[in-house]
Amino acid sequence: MANPNFKENKFKRFIAKSLQPLFRFVSKKQYVSLQYRYITGHKLDWKNLNRYTEKLQYLRLYYFANNDEVVRSASRIGARIRVNKHGLGDILIPLVGIYNTVSEIDFEKLPFRFVIKATHASSFVHVCTNKNEEDWPTLKAKLIKWLHIDYGERTVEPHYSKIKPALIGTPKDLPREYKIHVFNGKARYLYVVSGRNKDIRYDNFYIDFSRFDGAQFNHWKSSDIPLEKPDEFEEMVLYAEKLAQDFLFCRVDFFLVGNHIYFNEFTFTPAKGTLIFDNDEADFEIGEWLDISSAMKNKGT
């Protein structure tokens, strides 16, 4: 059954945003339950975790933050260390630098095109396609703000709170990205992101690269022209499974530039696990691939 197109009620959103800090303080479990219900429209059944999105909520609250390797790998610096340890240093994007404070950045020496990311958060990314047109005061203010945000506390993704805030700079913009989802060591499906900074599109595939349109989520648009499987795809899948082999769940993201594969990041709670699938059955199908029994400690369930 297809999910309804949930329409935003501005007044309801205002009330929800206003009450968020209170619910986070009183009970993180209650906060997550209400957030899940508010965004997805589904009641979170803690005693019968069958949906993929439900299982992610359990891992989000009770497992990932207590797994030291997850915490390290969720950091962009720790992720690079993990990739190197697995002998895959040649797929790392070259760095301009790693900075603990904005004052450490020599903006004049940055390349003509660059990307700056926060190491301790998701979506804290700034893409500069033309250094000569950059608004430097605004960028500096944004970076300073990023470094002072406890992203894990704000989003109730506790593993992010354990990461030391820093900034990482790379000399590349963002080409097509392949986000491979690995469940208990096995890659099962992916989505491809194309058209960043222009007309962004998302295309979902099973791991054999057949279409998985039901897994389209949050009402994002797919490409108008069918995407072909790149020659490097099987190699990408092998890298993903190697890098995520000891995680219960992990999304491993790669860029493909020409015929060279570049690692981007690890993600453990995509969209905080509050995904709205175009086809609700996809949530259950994907949930069957994820076995979290080894993580279940009956904490609050």
C-alpha atoms as a PDB file:
ATOM      1  CA  MET A   1       0.000   0.000   0.000  1.00  0.00           C
ATOM      2  CA  ALA A   2       1.435   3.347  -0.996  1.00  0.00           C
ATOM      3  CA  ASN A   3       2.140   5.857   1.715  1.00  0.00           C
ATOM      4  CA  PRO A   4      -0.029   8.980   1.677  1.00  0.00           C
ATOM      5  CA  ASN A   5       1.626  12.236   0.759  1.00  0.00           C
ATOM      6  CA  PHE A   6       1.841  13.706   4.232  1.00  0.00           C
ATOM      7  CA  LYS A   7       1.200  17.427   4.039  1.00  0.00           C
ATOM      8  CA  GLU A   8       2.948  19.760   6.432  1.00  0.00           C
ATOM      9  CA  ASN A   9       0.692  21.546   8.895  1.00  0.00           C
ATOM     10  CA  LYS A  10       2.603  24.716   9.773  1.00  0.00           C
ATOM     11  CA  PHE A  11       0.850  25.220  13.095  1.00  0.00           C
ATOM     12  CA  LYS A  12       1.360  21.578  14.061  1.00  0.00           C
ATOM     13  CA  ARG A  13       5.023  21.846  13.088  1.00  0.00           C
ATOM     14  CA  PHE A  14       5.441  25.002  15.190  1.00  0.00           C
ATOM     15  CA  ILE A  15       3.987  23.271  18.253  1.00  0.00           C
ATOM     16  CA  ALA A  16       6.124  20.162  17.675  1.00  0.00           C
ATOM     17  CA  LYS A  17       9.335  22.187  17.255  1.00  0.00           C
ATOM     18  CA  SER A  18       8.552  24.194  20.377  1.00  0.00           C
ATOM     19  CA  LEU A  19       8.084  21.074  22.492  1.00  0.00           C
ATOM     20  CA  GLN A  20      11.106  19.174  21.147  1.00  0.00           C
ATOM     21  CA  PRO A  21      13.604  20.327  23.811  1.00  0.00           C
ATOM     22  CA  LEU A  22      11.204  19.376  26.603  1.00  0.00           C
ATOM     23  CA  PHE A  23      10.562  15.876  25.253  1.00  0.00           C
ATOM     24  CA  ARG A  24      14.290  15.315  24.636  1.00  0.00           C
ATOM     25  CA  PHE A  25      14.988  16.271  28.255  1.00  0.00           C
ATOM     26  CA  VAL A  26      12.179  14.243  29.848  1.00  0.00           C
ATOM     27  CA  SER A  27      12.531  11.017  27.831  1.00  0.00           C
ATOM     28  CA  LYS A  28      14.580  10.348  24.721  1.00  0.00           C
ATOM     29  CA  LYS A  29      12.581   7.188  24.067  1.00  0.00           C
ATOM     30  CA  GLN A  30       9.302   9.106  24.213  1.00  0.00           C
ATOM     31  CA  TYR A  31      10.792  11.803  22.007  1.00  0.00           C
ATOM     32  CA  VAL A  32      11.856   9.249  19.393  1.00  0.00           C
ATOM     33  CA  SER A  33       8.444   7.555  19.518  1.00  0.00           C
ATOM     34  CA  LEU A  34       6.611  10.831  18.978  1.00  0.00           C
ATOM     35  CA  GLN A  35       9.013  12.001  16.280  1.00  0.00           C
ATOM     36  CA  TYR A  36       8.625   8.700  14.447  1.00  0.00           C
ATOM     37  CA  ARG A  37       4.835   8.907  14.620  1.00  0.00           C
ATOM     38  CA  TYR A  38       4.814  12.586  13.591  1.00  0.00           C
ATOM     39  CA  ILE A  39       7.048  12.091  10.534  1.00  0.00           C
ATOM     40  CA  THR A  40       6.086   8.632   9.263  1.00  0.00           C
ATOM     41  CA  GLY A  41       2.492   8.407  10.460  1.00  0.00           C
ATOM     42  CA  HIS A  42       3.200   5.000  12.034  1.00  0.00           C
ATOM     43  CA  LYS A  43       3.136   4.049  15.697  1.00  0.00           C
ATOM     44  CA  LEU A  44       6.521   2.753  16.819  1.00  0.00           C
ATOM     45  CA  ASP A  45       5.955  -0.717  18.260  1.00  0.00           C
ATOM     46  CA  TRP A  46       8.990  -1.219  20.508  1.00  0.00           C
ATOM     47  CA  LYS A  47       7.963  -4.783  21.389  1.00  0.00           C
ATOM     48  CA  ASN A  48       7.593  -5.948  17.783  1.00  0.00           C
ATOM     49  CA  LEU A  49      10.284  -4.306  15.656  1.00  0.00           C
ATOM     50  CA  ASN A  50       9.518  -5.489  12.139  1.00  0.00           C
ATOM     51  CA  ARG A  51       9.959  -2.426   9.996  1.00  0.00           C
ATOM     52  CA  TYR A  52      13.421  -1.332   8.846  1.00  0.00           C
ATOM     53  CA  THR A  53      12.678   2.133  10.230  1.00  0.00           C
ATOM     54  CA  GLU A  54      11.608   0.675  13.585  1.00  0.00           C
ATOM     55  CA  LYS A  55      14.803  -1.348  13.921  1.00  0.00           C
ATOM     56  CA  LEU A  56      16.849   1.742  13.137  1.00  0.00           C
ATOM     57  CA  GLN A  57      15.180   3.512  16.065  1.00  0.00           C
ATOM     58  CA  TYR A  58      16.321   0.789  18.453  1.00  0.00           C
ATOM     59  CA  LEU A  59      19.873   0.902  17.096  1.00  0.00           C
ATOM     60  CA  ARG A  60      19.756   4.704  17.223  1.00  0.00           C
ATOM     61  CA  LEU A  61      18.903   4.820  20.938  1.00  0.00           C
ATOM     62  CA  TYR A  62      20.444   1.703  22.451  1.00  0.00           C
ATOM     63  CA  TYR A  63      23.218   0.324  20.285  1.00  0.00           C
ATOM     64  CA  PHE A  64      25.201   2.647  18.021  1.00  0.00           C
ATOM     65  CA  ALA A  65      26.304   5.085  20.751  1.00  0.00           C
ATOM     66  CA  ASN A  66      27.641   2.164  22.791  1.00  0.00           C
ATOM     67  CA  ASN A  67      29.668   0.746  19.925  1.00  0.00           C
ATOM     68  CA  ASP A  68      33.068   2.454  19.892  1.00  0.00           C
ATOM     69  CA  GLU A  69      33.790   1.529  16.285  1.00  0.00           C
ATOM     70  CA  VAL A  70      30.467   2.971  15.138  1.00  0.00           C
ATOM     71  CA  VAL A  71      31.243   6.234  16.944  1.00  0.00           C
ATOM     72  CA  ARG A  72      34.717   6.404  15.380  1.00  0.00           C
ATOM     73  CA  SER A  73      33.464   5.557  11.917  1.00  0.00           C
ATOM     74  CA  ALA A  74      30.594   8.049  12.060  1.00  0.00           C
ATOM     75  CA  SER A  75      33.266  10.742  12.321  1.00  0.00           C
ATOM     76  CA  ARG A  76      34.677  11.711   8.933  1.00  0.00           C
ATOM     77  CA  ILE A  77      38.187  11.508  10.353  1.00  0.00           C
ATOM     78  CA  GLY A  78      37.570   8.143  12.005  1.00  0.00           C
ATOM     79  CA  ALA A  79      35.989   6.883   8.781  1.00  0.00           C
ATOM     80  CA  ARG A  80      39.194   7.641   6.872  1.00  0.00           C
ATOM     81  CA  ILE A  81      41.196   5.754   9.488  1.00  0.00           C
ATOM     82  CA  ARG A  82      38.912   2.727   9.075  1.00  0.00           C
ATOM     83  CA  VAL A  83      39.226   2.799   5.287  1.00  0.00           C
ATOM     84  CA  ASN A  84      43.018   2.934   5.581  1.00  0.00           C
ATOM     85  CA  LYS A  85      43.041   0.045   8.058  1.00  0.00           C
ATOM     86  CA  HIS A  86      41.192  -2.055   5.498  1.00  0.00           C
ATOM     87  CA  GLY A  87      43.881  -1.346   2.918  1.00  0.00           C
ATOM     88  CA  LEU A  88      41.699   0.931   0.787  1.00  0.00           C
ATOM     89  CA  GLY A  89      43.550   4.211   1.204  1.00  0.00           C
ATOM     90  CA  ASP A  90      43.613   4.735  -2.562  1.00  0.00           C
ATOM     91  CA  ILE A  91      39.844   5.403  -2.584  1.00  0.00           C
ATOM     92  CA  LEU A  92      40.045   8.247  -0.067  1.00  0.00           C
ATOM     93  CA  ILE A  93      39.422  11.768  -1.351  1.00  0.00           C
ATOM     94  CA  PRO A  94      42.584  13.918  -0.960  1.00  0.00           C
ATOM     95  CA  LEU A  95      42.358  16.445   1.872  1.00  0.00           C
ATOM     96  CA  VAL A  96      43.120  20.140   1.909  1.00  0.00           C
ATOM     97  CA  GLY A  97      43.200  20.000   5.682  1.00  0.00           C
ATOM     98  CA  ILE A  98      41.610  19.094   9.008  1.00  0.00           C
ATOM     99  CA  TYR A  99      40.794  22.020  11.292  1.00  0.00           C
ATOM    100  CA  ASN A 100      39.745  22.181  14.937  1.00  0.00           C
ATOM    101  CA  THR A 101      38.872  25.883  14.694  1.00  0.00           C
ATOM    102  CA  VAL A 102      37.879  28.217  11.868  1.00  0.00           C
ATOM    103  CA  SER A 103      40.915  30.408  12.615  1.00  0.00           C
ATOM    104  CA  GLU A 104      43.172  27.553  11.479  1.00  0.00           C
ATOM    105  CA  ILE A 105      41.823  27.726   7.919  1.00  0.00           C
ATOM    106  CA  ASP A 106      43.872  29.760   5.445  1.00  0.00           C
ATOM    107  CA  PHE A 107      40.986  30.661   3.148  1.00  0.00           C
ATOM    108  CA  GLU A 108      43.291  32.282   0.598  1.00  0.00           C
ATOM    109  CA  LYS A 109      45.053  28.970   0.008  1.00  0.00           C
ATOM    110  CA  LEU A 110      41.889  26.956  -0.544  1.00  0.00           C
ATOM    111  CA  PRO A 111      41.501  25.614  -4.100  1.00  0.00           C
ATOM    112  CA  PHE A 112      39.180  27.224  -6.645  1.00  0.00           C
ATOM    113  CA  ARG A 113      36.560  24.545  -5.906  1.00  0.00           C
ATOM    114  CA  PHE A 114      36.298  22.811  -2.560  1.00  0.00           C
ATOM    115  CA  VAL A 115      33.996  21.130  -0.038  1.00  0.00           C
ATOM    116  CA  ILE A 116      34.053  21.729   3.724  1.00  0.00           C
ATOM    117  CA  LYS A 117      32.313  19.256   6.015  1.00  0.00           C
ATOM    118  CA  ALA A 118      31.831  18.982   9.769  1.00  0.00           C
ATOM    119  CA  THR A 119      33.233  15.729  11.140  1.00  0.00           C
ATOM    120  CA  HIS A 120      30.589  15.321  13.851  1.00  0.00           C
ATOM    121  CA  ALA A 121      27.312  15.794  11.977  1.00  0.00           C
ATOM    122  CA  SER A 122      25.246  14.830   8.987  1.00  0.00           C
ATOM    123  CA  SER A 123      24.360  17.418   6.325  1.00  0.00           C
ATOM    124  CA  PHE A 124      26.830  20.024   7.622  1.00  0.00           C
ATOM    125  CA  VAL A 125      28.403  20.413   4.188  1.00  0.00           C
ATOM    126  CA  HIS A 126      29.377  23.519   2.244  1.00  0.00           C
ATOM    127  CA  VAL A 127      30.155  23.227  -1.476  1.00  0.00           C
ATOM    128  CA  CYS A 128      32.098  26.031  -3.157  1.00  0.00           C
ATOM    129  CA  THR A 129      32.133  25.842  -6.961  1.00  0.00           C
ATOM    130  CA  ASN A 130      33.813  29.218  -7.489  1.00  0.00           C
ATOM    131  CA  LYS A 131      36.156  30.606  -4.845  1.00  0.00           C
ATOM    132  CA  ASN A 132      35.964  34.099  -6.334  1.00  0.00           C
ATOM    133  CA  GLU A 133      32.220  34.272  -5.710  1.00  0.00           C
ATOM    134  CA  GLU A 134      32.300  32.952  -2.136  1.00  0.00           C
ATOM    135  CA  ASP A 135      30.753  35.026   0.673  1.00  0.00           C
ATOM    136  CA  TRP A 136      33.564  34.525   3.175  1.00  0.00           C
ATOM    137  CA  PRO A 137      32.059  36.285   6.234  1.00  0.00           C
ATOM    138  CA  THR A 138      28.862  34.248   5.913  1.00  0.00           C
ATOM    139  CA  LEU A 139      30.814  31.009   5.430  1.00  0.00           C
ATOM    140  CA  LYS A 140      33.025  31.667   8.455  1.00  0.00           C
ATOM    141  CA  ALA A 141      30.001  32.421  10.637  1.00  0.00           C
ATOM    142  CA  LYS A 142      28.346  29.198   9.485  1.00  0.00           C
ATOM    143  CA  LEU A 143      31.449  27.111  10.241  1.00  0.00           C
ATOM    144  CA  ILE A 144      31.807  28.619  13.715  1.00  0.00           C
ATOM    145  CA  LYS A 145      28.151  27.803  14.406  1.00  0.00           C
ATOM    146  CA  TRP A 146      28.633  24.211  13.247  1.00  0.00           C
ATOM    147  CA  LEU A 147      31.522  23.651  15.655  1.00  0.00           C
ATOM    148  CA  HIS A 148      29.400  24.732  18.616  1.00  0.00           C
ATOM    149  CA  ILE A 149      26.443  22.452  17.867  1.00  0.00           C
ATOM    150  CA  ASP A 150      26.010  19.139  19.667  1.00  0.00           C
ATOM    151  CA  TYR A 151      24.407  17.463  16.673  1.00  0.00           C
ATOM    152  CA  GLY A 152      23.720  14.206  18.496  1.00  0.00           C
ATOM    153  CA  GLU A 153      21.851  15.981  21.286  1.00  0.00           C
ATOM    154  CA  ARG A 154      19.834  18.025  18.809  1.00  0.00           C
ATOM    155  CA  THR A 155      18.761  15.035  16.699  1.00  0.00           C
ATOM    156  CA  VAL A 156      18.788  12.324  19.410  1.00  0.00           C
ATOM    157  CA  GLU A 157      21.410  10.322  17.521  1.00  0.00           C
ATOM    158  CA  PRO A 158      23.697   9.802  20.545  1.00  0.00           C
ATOM    159  CA  HIS A 159      26.667   8.394  18.618  1.00  0.00           C
ATOM    160  CA  TYR A 160      27.245  11.822  17.030  1.00  0.00           C
ATOM    161  CA  SER A 161      27.568  13.444  20.471  1.00  0.00           C
ATOM    162  CA  LYS A 162      30.703  11.408  21.169  1.00  0.00           C
ATOM    163  CA  ILE A 163      32.553  12.773  18.123  1.00  0.00           C
ATOM    164  CA  LYS A 164      34.951  15.697  18.607  1.00  0.00           C
ATOM    165  CA  PRO A 165      33.770  18.595  16.393  1.00  0.00           C
ATOM    166  CA  ALA A 166      36.184  19.529  13.598  1.00  0.00           C
ATOM    167  CA  LEU A 167      36.130  20.594   9.954  1.00  0.00           C
ATOM    168  CA  ILE A 168      37.507  18.688   7.011  1.00  0.00           C
ATOM    169  CA  GLY A 169      38.233  20.230   3.618  1.00  0.00           C
ATOM    170  CA  THR A 170      38.477  18.451   0.266  1.00  0.00           C
ATOM    171  CA  PRO A 171      39.321  19.851  -3.192  1.00  0.00           C
ATOM    172  CA  LYS A 172      36.392  18.252  -5.015  1.00  0.00           C
ATOM    173  CA  ASP A 173      32.763  19.102  -5.595  1.00  0.00           C
ATOM    174  CA  LEU A 174      30.085  16.413  -5.503  1.00  0.00           C
ATOM    175  CA  PRO A 175      29.634  14.076  -8.503  1.00  0.00           C
ATOM    176  CA  ARG A 176      27.170  11.163  -8.719  1.00  0.00           C
ATOM    177  CA  GLU A 177      26.995   9.283  -5.438  1.00  0.00           C
ATOM    178  CA  TYR A 178      26.261   5.606  -4.760  1.00  0.00           C
ATOM    179  CA  LYS A 179      24.837   4.898  -1.289  1.00  0.00           C
ATOM    180  CA  ILE A 180      25.112   1.162  -0.628  1.00  0.00           C
ATOM    181  CA  HIS A 181      23.146  -0.271   2.318  1.00  0.00           C
ATOM    182  CA  VAL A 182      24.849  -3.199   4.078  1.00  0.00           C
ATOM    183  CA  PHE A 183      22.810  -5.389   6.442  1.00  0.00           C
ATOM    184  CA  ASN A 184      24.688  -7.791   8.746  1.00  0.00           C
ATOM    185  CA  GLY A 185      27.649  -7.700   6.381  1.00  0.00           C
ATOM    186  CA  LYS A 186      25.715  -8.143   3.137  1.00  0.00           C
ATOM    187  CA  ALA A 187      24.917  -5.386   0.641  1.00  0.00           C
ATOM    188  CA  ARG A 188      21.222  -5.485  -0.250  1.00  0.00           C
ATOM    189  CA  TYR A 189      20.224  -2.265  -1.964  1.00  0.00           C
ATOM    190  CA  LEU A 190      21.362   1.247  -2.813  1.00  0.00           C
ATOM    191  CA  TYR A 191      20.220   4.573  -4.079  1.00  0.00           C
ATOM    192  CA  VAL A 192      22.070   6.831  -6.477  1.00  0.00           C
ATOM    193  CA  VAL A 193      22.147  10.605  -6.014  1.00  0.00           C
ATOM    194  CA  SER A 194      22.682  12.705  -9.124  1.00  0.00           C
ATOM    195  CA  GLY A 195      22.269  16.333 -10.128  1.00  0.00           C
ATOM    196  CA  ARG A 196      23.496  17.915  -6.893  1.00  0.00           C
ATOM    197  CA  ASN A 197      23.401  21.732  -6.919  1.00  0.00           C
ATOM    198  CA  LYS A 198      21.254  21.542 -10.066  1.00  0.00           C
ATOM    199  CA  ASP A 199      18.244  19.242 -10.173  1.00  0.00           C
ATOM    200  CA  ILE A 200      18.858  16.577  -7.540  1.00  0.00           C
ATOM    201  CA  ARG A 201      17.431  13.098  -8.182  1.00  0.00           C
ATOM    202  CA  TYR A 202      17.380   9.812  -6.276  1.00  0.00           C
ATOM    203  CA  ASP A 203      17.152   6.363  -7.882  1.00  0.00           C
ATOM    204  CA  ASN A 204      16.722   3.164  -5.842  1.00  0.00           C
ATOM    205  CA  PHE A 205      18.032  -0.253  -6.873  1.00  0.00           C
ATOM    206  CA  TYR A 206      18.353  -3.744  -5.475  1.00  0.00           C
ATOM    207  CA  ILE A 207      21.993  -4.761  -5.246  1.00  0.00           C
ATOM    208  CA  ASP A 208      21.776  -6.486  -8.656  1.00  0.00           C
ATOM    209  CA  PHE A 209      20.944  -3.003  -9.997  1.00  0.00           C
ATOM    210  CA  SER A 210      17.355  -3.861 -10.846  1.00  0.00           C
ATOM    211  CA  ARG A 211      14.900  -1.082  -9.978  1.00  0.00           C
ATOM    212  CA  PHE A 212      13.579  -0.872  -6.413  1.00  0.00           C
ATOM    213  CA  ASP A 213      11.127   1.974  -6.942  1.00  0.00           C
ATOM    214  CA  GLY A 214       9.096   1.161  -3.836  1.00  0.00           C
ATOM    215  CA  ALA A 215      12.098   2.172  -1.730  1.00  0.00           C
ATOM    216  CA  GLN A 216      11.909   5.750  -2.988  1.00  0.00           C
ATOM    217  CA  PHE A 217      11.386   7.846   0.131  1.00  0.00           C
ATOM    218  CA  ASN A 218      10.372  11.297   1.333  1.00  0.00           C
ATOM    219  CA  HIS A 219       8.695  11.930  -2.028  1.00  0.00           C
ATOM    220  CA  TRP A 220      11.988  12.622  -3.782  1.00  0.00           C
ATOM    221  CA  LYS A 221      12.085  12.482  -7.563  1.00  0.00           C
ATOM    222  CA  SER A 222      13.897   9.840  -9.594  1.00  0.00           C
ATOM    223  CA  SER A 223      15.831  10.522 -12.793  1.00  0.00           C
ATOM    224  CA  ASP A 224      13.966  11.146 -16.018  1.00  0.00           C
ATOM    225  CA  ILE A 225      16.542   9.076 -17.912  1.00  0.00           C
ATOM    226  CA  PRO A 226      17.252   5.519 -16.670  1.00  0.00           C
ATOM    227  CA  LEU A 227      20.650   5.124 -15.006  1.00  0.00           C
ATOM    228  CA  GLU A 228      23.000   2.422 -16.236  1.00  0.00           C
ATOM    229  CA  LYS A 229      25.072   0.271 -13.917  1.00  0.00           C
ATOM    230  CA  PRO A 230      28.669   1.518 -14.032  1.00  0.00           C
ATOM    231  CA  ASP A 231      31.479  -0.901 -14.846  1.00  0.00           C
ATOM    232  CA  GLU A 232      32.952  -0.233 -11.399  1.00  0.00           C
ATOM    233  CA  PHE A 233      29.784  -1.147  -9.507  1.00  0.00           C
ATOM    234  CA  GLU A 234      30.710  -4.702  -8.468  1.00  0.00           C
ATOM    235  CA  GLU A 235      34.007  -3.416  -7.100  1.00  0.00           C
ATOM    236  CA  MET A 236      32.089  -0.757  -5.173  1.00  0.00           C
ATOM    237  CA  VAL A 237      29.857  -3.420  -3.590  1.00  0.00           C
ATOM    238  CA  LEU A 238      32.906  -5.437  -2.522  1.00  0.00           C
ATOM    239  CA  TYR A 239      34.371  -2.344  -0.881  1.00  0.00           C
ATOM    240  CA  ALA A 240      31.094  -1.635   0.919  1.00  0.00           C
ATOM    241  CA  GLU A 241      30.833  -5.153   2.340  1.00  0.00           C
ATOM    242  CA  LYS A 242      34.488  -5.166   3.369  1.00  0.00           C
ATOM    243  CA  LEU A 243      34.220  -1.821   5.143  1.00  0.00           C
ATOM    244  CA  ALA A 244      30.907  -2.661   6.882  1.00  0.00           C
ATOM    245  CA  GLN A 245      31.572  -6.321   7.625  1.00  0.00           C
ATOM    246  CA  ASP A 246      31.358  -6.030  11.433  1.00  0.00           C
ATOM    247  CA  PHE A 247      28.419  -3.607  11.628  1.00  0.00           C
ATOM    248  CA  LEU A 248      24.797  -4.709  12.060  1.00  0.00           C
ATOM    249  CA  PHE A 249      23.817  -1.987   9.633  1.00  0.00           C
ATOM    250  CA  CYS A 250      25.757   0.632   7.743  1.00  0.00           C
ATOM    251  CA  ARG A 251      25.273   2.715   4.618  1.00  0.00           C
ATOM    252  CA  VAL A 252      28.547   3.144   2.762  1.00  0.00           C
ATOM    253  CA  ASP A 253      28.680   6.062   0.339  1.00  0.00           C
ATOM    254  CA  PHE A 254      30.930   6.372  -2.699  1.00  0.00           C
ATOM    255  CA  PHE A 255      31.534   8.895  -5.451  1.00  0.00           C
ATOM    256  CA  LEU A 256      32.434   7.785  -8.955  1.00  0.00           C
ATOM    257  CA  VAL A 257      34.686  10.209 -10.847  1.00  0.00           C
ATOM    258  CA  GLY A 258      35.514   8.920 -14.305  1.00  0.00           C
ATOM    259  CA  ASN A 259      36.408   5.319 -13.553  1.00  0.00           C
ATOM    260  CA  HIS A 260      37.811   6.001 -10.078  1.00  0.00           C
ATOM    261  CA  ILE A 261      35.868   5.108  -6.933  1.00  0.00           C
ATOM    262  CA  TYR A 262      36.124   7.492  -3.972  1.00  0.00           C
ATOM    263  CA  PHE A 263      34.871   6.751  -0.473  1.00  0.00           C
ATOM    264  CA  ASN A 264      32.661   9.466   1.031  1.00  0.00           C
ATOM    265  CA  GLU A 265      31.280   8.409   4.444  1.00  0.00           C
ATOM    266  CA  PHE A 266      29.553   5.885   6.673  1.00  0.00           C
ATOM    267  CA  THR A 267      25.976   6.535   7.790  1.00  0.00           C
ATOM    268  CA  PHE A 268      24.271   4.516  10.528  1.00  0.00           C
ATOM    269  CA  THR A 269      20.916   6.273  10.980  1.00  0.00           C
ATOM    270  CA  PRO A 270      19.797   7.564   7.547  1.00  0.00           C
ATOM    271  CA  ALA A 271      17.382  10.477   8.063  1.00  0.00           C
ATOM    272  CA  LYS A 272      17.275   9.425  11.752  1.00  0.00           C
ATOM    273  CA  GLY A 273      15.464   6.307  10.539  1.00  0.00           C
ATOM    274  CA  THR A 274      12.295   8.311   9.899  1.00  0.00           C
ATOM    275  CA  LEU A 275      11.945   7.487   6.212  1.00  0.00           C
ATOM    276  CA  ILE A 276       8.615   7.755   4.408  1.00  0.00           C
ATOM    277  CA  PHE A 277       8.702   5.132   1.665  1.00  0.00           C
ATOM    278  CA  ASP A 278       6.627   5.551  -1.469  1.00  0.00           C
ATOM    279  CA  ASN A 279       5.545   1.957  -0.944  1.00  0.00           C
ATOM    280  CA  ASP A 280       5.034   1.108   2.711  1.00  0.00           C
ATOM    281  CA  GLU A 281       5.742  -2.567   2.007  1.00  0.00           C
ATOM    282  CA  ALA A 282       9.364  -1.657   1.251  1.00  0.00           C
ATOM    283  CA  ASP A 283       9.801  -0.792   4.935  1.00  0.00           C
ATOM    284  CA  PHE A 284       8.916  -4.382   5.888  1.00  0.00           C
ATOM    285  CA  GLU A 285      10.897  -5.945   3.032  1.00  0.00           C
ATOM    286  CA  ILE A 286      14.049  -4.089   4.033  1.00  0.00           C
ATOM    287  CA  GLY A 287      13.331  -4.852   7.678  1.00  0.00           C
ATOM    288  CA  GLU A 288      13.611  -8.575   6.924  1.00  0.00           C
ATOM    289  CA  TRP A 289      17.221  -8.036   5.867  1.00  0.00           C
ATOM    290  CA  LEU A 290      18.244  -6.509   9.190  1.00  0.00           C
ATOM    291  CA  ASP A 291      18.791  -8.842  12.152  1.00  0.00           C
ATOM    292  CA  ILE A 292      19.291  -6.838  15.353  1.00  0.00           C
ATOM    293  CA  SER A 293      18.799  -9.739  17.776  1.00  0.00           C
ATOM    294  CA  SER A 294      22.444  -9.519  18.936  1.00  0.00           C
ATOM    295  CA  ALA A 295      21.886  -5.884  19.906  1.00  0.00           C
ATOM    296  CA  MET A 296      18.629  -6.439  21.781  1.00  0.00           C
ATOM    297  CA  LYS A 297      19.185  -5.947  25.492  1.00  0.00           C
ATOM    298  CA  ASN A 298      15.545  -5.364  26.448  1.00  0.00           C
ATOM    299  CA  LYS A 299      16.408  -1.763  27.296  1.00  0.00           C
ATOM    300  CA  GLY A 300      13.167   0.117  27.625  1.00  0.00           C
ATOM    301  CA  THR A 301      11.300  -2.343  25.421  1.00  0.00           C
END
